[in-house]
Amino acid sequence: MGQITLEKVTKRFGDVEVIPPLDLTIQDGEFTVFVGPSGCGKSTLLRLIAGLEDMTTGTISIDGQDATDTPPAKRGLAMVFQSYALYPHMSVRKNIAFPMRMAGIDIAEQNRRIEQAAAALNLTDYLDRRPGQLSGGQRQRVAIGRAIVREPEAFLFDEPLSNLDAALRVGMRLEISELHKRLATTMIYVTHDQVEAMTMADKIVVLRAGHIEQVGTPLELYHTPRNSFVAGFIGSPKMNLITGPEAEKCDAHTIGIRPEHIDVVDGEGLWTGKVGVAEHLGSDTFFHVQDTGLAETITVRAPGEVNYRHGDTITLNPRPDQVHRFDAQGLRIA
């Protein structure tokens, strides 16, 4: 069991309210990602759940039991931090065993859990090494193993991949997702990287200035963003957001169109502009079109390689059924 419920949770630092009243339920076994720009309150919210920060008001329940005043060690949660926080003088085995030693678990049970965690994380051959002899990805797996052996109700990850290079981030992202499938345990994962959120989550919670902007599956947020903030934050590259006369034609204050939903056409089209920077990725090309008469540079995604050069004039047509409309408050218009 690992259902976590937040009711009217707030957090203030002096007169500054960083988490306004907030309600959220994370279901047992769910992989939930908190995502948002820097300073949006996602790490603070995770620390409130862990008990590492005191709430100002509200209640937190774990499996139906009020845990608001329960000390962190008694909440049945295991946290994995951005820094590995490993003991450099201890072997991998002893690092993983450390929380069990502190809890007074007998040696036989410790060894059983260590071997099980090591097998799940491909660390069996490294148990006698010290952290200094491991790669960054291996050290992060040791930190995760130390959390696994506690057999928690839920895992809390606070930007665990931000110290890794791009290739290791992708590999560890897959490993954590696979681990969730095997353990079927609740996981809450904090990141500012919306690609991590889209590829890992069962449910995404988008935060801005402590407020929950939208909760939903990755594809729900991608295809039906509740407001222009979510529309511009979820997706890489981000959605094109356009205001002015083009939006007014659609009876909206702002319209949004994703790069893959704009077609380059021969002959007549809705917008004409000049190709600026092109990003060639092999499988796709992203090019940024300027001088369209719109307020924004338009980003277009084309499959494979395209031969447009800087300064070429091209004609664009947004697909009408893929245009998102938002009102003056940024809320989605049905």
Foldseek 3Di string as FASTA:
>chain_A
DWKKWWFQWWADDVPRTQAGGDTDIFDWLFEEEEAEDPSLCPVVVLCQQLQVDQTPDTFMDTPNHTCNPPHNVPQQEAECEQDLPFDQVDFLLCRLLVVVVVVVPDPVLSVVLLVVLCVLLVNPVRRGPGPVVDDPLVSSSSSVSSRVSSVGQEYEYENNCPVDDPVSSVVVLVSVLVVSVVSSHHYYYYDNDLVSVLVRGQKYFYGGSNDGQDIDHLVCLAQPPFFVVSQQRHDVVGWDKFADPVLVVVVARIKTARQAQKDWDPDDEDWKFFWADWDADQQKIWIWTDPRPTPDTDIHIDGGDDDHDGGDMIHMYGDVVRMWGAHPVGGTDD
